[in-house]
Amino acid sequence: MGAMTDKRTLTEWADLSGKSADSVMRQARRKFGQGMSKTSVMSAEQWALLYGGKPSEKRPRKPASVTNHPTPAAPKKASPGKTFGWRGAILYLLMAIPALASLQNMHTVTLDITGHEFSALLLTGLFSASPFLFVLAGMKNRITVLLVGLLIAYECFCNFTRIYGGLTGFGRSGFPTRFLGLVTDVFNTGTHGTALALSGIMAGLAAAVFYIAYNELSKK
């Protein structure tokens, strides 16, 4: 019985039931007269006459549980041109060995072309270092690849001519080397053709190793 003697203002009853205070006031005026206002005190019995029972207190809604799924970390991208680990070091080494072996040949040929020592040194350094610098800078466009191809072709040309000159003794005694003579005897071939073939094989192998290593590094 104590619950039925509970008294609250009309606004409090409305808040407790989750109804609009204006709507409750209009309903109360129709039931109990025009003297009812939002501040009028109503008993639980009066409320029961209006809405058929004591209102249940509103319970705040529990916020929907949000499951925080850990965001997968994005794979780290290597900086352009940078390679790490043993594989990268081996590829750079495979580029460096043919380049170093070709330095003297490139310098000699470039000096013959330019006729000036300082220019030959600068051009040889530029032609030899450019592919390495392109890879380190991450330059992979078509023009760069084409330029590297031309540099490799020039390096191959320098090696080819210098190896041929060494085999044939051109510029020195004018006589073929003992090794070239042995090869011509073994294969029963001419001196000129054998020298060309050996020069092409040696220069081509060095160029191929350099290009394959460069191509792999440029994919990084």
Protein backbone atom coordinates (compact mmCIF):
# COMPACT_ATOMS: atom_id res chain seq x y z
CA MET A 1 0.00 0.00 0.00
CA GLY A 2 2.95 2.30 0.61
CA ALA A 3 3.67 2.37 -3.11
CA MET A 4 0.19 3.70 -3.82
CA THR A 5 0.70 6.70 -1.48
CA ASP A 6 3.76 7.82 -3.44
CA LYS A 7 3.35 11.42 -4.52
CA ARG A 8 5.26 13.29 -7.17
CA THR A 9 4.72 16.30 -9.37
CA LEU A 10 3.19 15.76 -12.75
CA THR A 11 6.52 16.50 -14.41
CA GLU A 12 8.29 13.96 -12.20
CA TRP A 13 5.71 11.28 -13.06
CA ALA A 14 6.16 12.10 -16.75
CA ASP A 15 9.95 11.88 -16.53
CA LEU A 16 9.72 8.62 -14.60
CA SER A 17 7.50 7.06 -17.25
CA GLY A 18 9.33 8.48 -20.22
CA LYS A 19 6.27 10.44 -21.39
CA SER A 20 5.99 14.05 -22.42
CA ALA A 21 5.02 16.38 -19.57
CA ASP A 22 2.62 18.27 -21.87
CA SER A 23 0.91 15.06 -22.92
CA VAL A 24 0.50 13.96 -19.29
CA MET A 25 -0.84 17.39 -18.35
CA ARG A 26 -3.50 17.29 -21.07
CA GLN A 27 -4.54 13.80 -20.00
CA ALA A 28 -4.72 14.90 -16.32
CA ARG A 29 -6.83 17.95 -17.16
CA ARG A 30 -9.33 15.78 -19.02
CA LYS A 31 -9.46 13.41 -16.06
CA PHE A 32 -9.16 15.72 -13.04
CA GLY A 33 -10.03 19.16 -14.34
CA GLN A 34 -8.31 22.19 -15.81
CA GLY A 35 -6.54 23.00 -12.59
CA MET A 36 -3.86 20.45 -13.26
CA SER A 37 -0.47 21.81 -14.27
CA LYS A 38 3.06 20.48 -14.65
CA THR A 39 3.82 21.33 -11.03
CA SER A 40 0.63 19.73 -9.66
CA VAL A 41 1.27 16.91 -7.20
CA MET A 42 -0.21 13.58 -8.14
CA SER A 43 -0.44 10.40 -6.12
CA ALA A 44 0.27 6.96 -7.42
CA GLU A 45 -3.47 6.27 -7.32
CA GLN A 46 -4.14 9.24 -9.62
CA TRP A 47 -1.41 8.09 -11.96
CA ALA A 48 -2.92 4.61 -11.99
CA LEU A 49 -6.27 6.14 -12.95
CA LEU A 50 -4.57 7.91 -15.86
CA TYR A 51 -2.38 5.14 -17.22
CA GLY A 52 -3.35 1.95 -15.41
CA GLY A 53 -0.46 1.48 -13.01
CA LYS A 54 2.67 2.94 -11.48
CA PRO A 55 5.26 3.81 -14.08
CA SER A 56 8.45 1.81 -14.10
CA GLU A 57 11.61 3.83 -13.80
CA LYS A 58 13.50 4.30 -17.01
CA ARG A 59 16.73 2.45 -17.12
CA PRO A 60 19.53 3.95 -19.18
CA ARG A 61 20.29 1.89 -22.21
CA LYS A 62 23.56 0.09 -22.11
CA PRO A 63 25.79 1.27 -24.88
CA ALA A 64 26.26 -1.34 -27.52
CA SER A 65 29.46 -3.15 -26.92
CA VAL A 66 31.96 -2.35 -29.57
CA THR A 67 34.51 -5.00 -30.26
CA ASN A 68 37.75 -3.38 -31.13
CA HIS A 69 39.36 -5.51 -33.76
CA PRO A 70 43.04 -4.77 -34.01
CA THR A 71 43.82 -3.11 -37.29
CA PRO A 72 46.40 -5.16 -39.13
CA ALA A 73 49.57 -3.22 -39.54
CA ALA A 74 50.23 -2.21 -43.09
CA PRO A 75 53.32 -3.81 -44.55
CA LYS A 76 56.25 -1.48 -44.44
CA LYS A 77 57.44 -0.39 -47.82
CA ALA A 78 61.09 -0.13 -48.44
CA SER A 79 62.34 3.25 -49.44
CA PRO A 80 62.86 3.61 -53.18
CA GLY A 81 66.17 2.25 -54.32
CA LYS A 82 67.15 0.79 -50.96
CA THR A 83 67.82 -2.90 -50.56
CA PHE A 84 68.73 -4.69 -47.38
CA GLY A 85 70.22 -7.99 -46.42
CA TRP A 86 72.61 -10.38 -48.04
CA ARG A 87 70.71 -10.56 -51.32
CA GLY A 88 71.02 -6.84 -51.95
CA ALA A 89 74.70 -6.86 -51.02
CA ILE A 90 75.38 -9.77 -53.40
CA LEU A 91 73.55 -8.03 -56.25
CA TYR A 92 75.54 -4.84 -55.75
CA LEU A 93 78.71 -6.93 -55.71
CA LEU A 94 77.70 -8.59 -58.98
CA MET A 95 77.36 -5.14 -60.51
CA ALA A 96 80.56 -3.82 -58.99
CA ILE A 97 82.91 -6.59 -60.15
CA PRO A 98 82.22 -6.22 -63.93
CA ALA A 99 82.24 -2.43 -63.54
CA LEU A 100 85.64 -2.44 -61.82
CA ALA A 101 87.05 -4.94 -64.32
CA SER A 102 85.90 -2.68 -67.15
CA LEU A 103 87.26 0.58 -65.73
CA GLN A 104 90.65 0.40 -67.41
CA ASN A 105 89.19 -0.64 -70.74
CA MET A 106 86.57 2.12 -70.62
CA HIS A 107 89.16 4.70 -69.66
CA THR A 108 91.54 3.69 -72.45
CA VAL A 109 88.82 3.73 -75.12
CA THR A 110 87.32 6.98 -73.82
CA LEU A 111 90.77 8.57 -73.79
CA ASP A 112 91.29 7.52 -77.41
CA ILE A 113 87.92 9.08 -78.27
CA THR A 114 88.29 12.36 -76.34
CA GLY A 115 92.06 12.77 -76.54
CA HIS A 116 92.04 14.39 -73.09
CA GLU A 117 92.95 12.60 -69.86
CA PHE A 118 90.76 14.61 -67.48
CA SER A 119 87.68 14.32 -69.71
CA ALA A 120 88.30 10.60 -70.07
CA LEU A 121 88.47 10.18 -66.28
CA LEU A 122 85.26 12.14 -65.72
CA LEU A 123 83.33 10.33 -68.43
CA THR A 124 84.57 6.93 -67.28
CA GLY A 125 83.51 7.69 -63.71
CA LEU A 126 80.12 8.99 -64.91
CA PHE A 127 79.42 5.98 -67.13
CA SER A 128 80.51 3.51 -64.45
CA ALA A 129 78.73 5.06 -61.46
CA SER A 130 75.44 6.10 -63.09
CA PRO A 131 73.69 2.67 -62.94
CA PHE A 132 74.52 2.36 -59.23
CA LEU A 133 73.26 5.87 -58.50
CA PHE A 134 70.08 5.28 -60.50
CA VAL A 135 69.29 2.19 -58.40
CA LEU A 136 70.03 3.96 -55.11
CA ALA A 137 67.81 6.88 -56.15
CA GLY A 138 64.96 4.51 -57.08
CA MET A 139 64.85 5.68 -60.71
CA LYS A 140 63.00 3.01 -62.70
CA ASN A 141 61.35 4.85 -65.59
CA ARG A 142 61.80 3.77 -69.19
CA ILE A 143 64.26 6.52 -70.04
CA THR A 144 66.51 5.49 -67.15
CA VAL A 145 66.38 1.82 -68.15
CA LEU A 146 67.15 2.75 -71.76
CA LEU A 147 70.07 4.92 -70.66
CA VAL A 148 71.47 2.12 -68.49
CA GLY A 149 71.18 -0.20 -71.47
CA LEU A 150 73.24 2.24 -73.56
CA LEU A 151 75.84 2.53 -70.81
CA ILE A 152 76.12 -1.26 -70.62
CA ALA A 153 76.45 -1.41 -74.40
CA TYR A 154 79.29 1.16 -74.29
CA GLU A 155 81.02 -0.78 -71.52
CA CYS A 156 80.64 -3.97 -73.55
CA PHE A 157 82.05 -2.20 -76.62
CA CYS A 158 85.08 -0.98 -74.66
CA ASN A 159 85.75 -4.46 -73.26
CA PHE A 160 85.28 -6.05 -76.67
CA THR A 161 87.74 -3.77 -78.45
CA ARG A 162 90.35 -3.92 -75.71
CA ILE A 163 90.15 -7.73 -75.40
CA TYR A 164 90.39 -8.06 -79.17
CA GLY A 165 93.39 -5.75 -79.21
CA GLY A 166 95.03 -7.75 -76.45
CA LEU A 167 94.50 -11.08 -78.19
CA THR A 168 95.77 -9.89 -81.55
CA GLY A 169 98.63 -7.81 -80.13
CA PHE A 170 97.27 -4.75 -81.88
CA GLY A 171 99.22 -1.64 -80.88
CA ARG A 172 102.03 -3.65 -79.35
CA SER A 173 104.03 -6.35 -81.08
CA GLY A 174 101.44 -6.92 -83.77
CA PHE A 175 101.52 -10.68 -83.13
CA PRO A 176 98.64 -12.72 -81.66
CA THR A 177 99.03 -14.00 -78.12
CA ARG A 178 100.09 -17.54 -77.42
CA PHE A 179 96.62 -18.29 -76.03
CA LEU A 180 94.94 -17.17 -79.25
CA GLY A 181 97.31 -19.37 -81.21
CA LEU A 182 96.41 -22.37 -79.05
CA VAL A 183 92.68 -21.79 -79.55
CA THR A 184 93.04 -21.50 -83.30
CA ASP A 185 95.01 -24.75 -83.35
CA VAL A 186 92.45 -26.59 -81.19
CA PHE A 187 89.41 -25.46 -83.20
CA ASN A 188 91.20 -25.12 -86.53
CA THR A 189 89.89 -21.58 -86.99
CA GLY A 190 91.33 -18.36 -88.29
CA THR A 191 93.05 -15.87 -86.05
CA HIS A 192 90.74 -12.94 -86.80
CA GLY A 193 87.47 -14.84 -86.36
CA THR A 194 88.66 -16.57 -83.21
CA ALA A 195 89.74 -13.27 -81.66
CA LEU A 196 86.36 -11.73 -82.48
CA ALA A 197 84.50 -14.69 -80.96
CA LEU A 198 86.56 -14.73 -77.77
CA SER A 199 86.25 -10.97 -77.36
CA GLY A 200 82.49 -11.11 -77.87
CA ILE A 201 82.07 -13.95 -75.36
CA MET A 202 84.14 -12.23 -72.66
CA ALA A 203 82.54 -8.82 -73.11
CA GLY A 204 79.05 -10.34 -73.35
CA LEU A 205 79.44 -12.36 -70.16
CA ALA A 206 80.55 -9.30 -68.18
CA ALA A 207 77.67 -7.23 -69.59
CA ALA A 208 75.14 -9.99 -68.86
CA VAL A 209 76.20 -10.32 -65.22
CA PHE A 210 76.01 -6.55 -64.78
CA TYR A 211 72.59 -6.28 -66.43
CA ILE A 212 71.02 -9.18 -64.52
CA ALA A 213 72.16 -7.74 -61.19
CA TYR A 214 70.93 -4.27 -62.16
CA ASN A 215 67.58 -5.63 -63.30
CA GLU A 216 67.05 -7.44 -59.99
CA LEU A 217 67.99 -4.39 -57.95
CA SER A 218 65.69 -2.14 -59.96
CA LYS A 219 62.73 -4.36 -58.99
CA LYS A 220 63.10 -3.44 -55.31
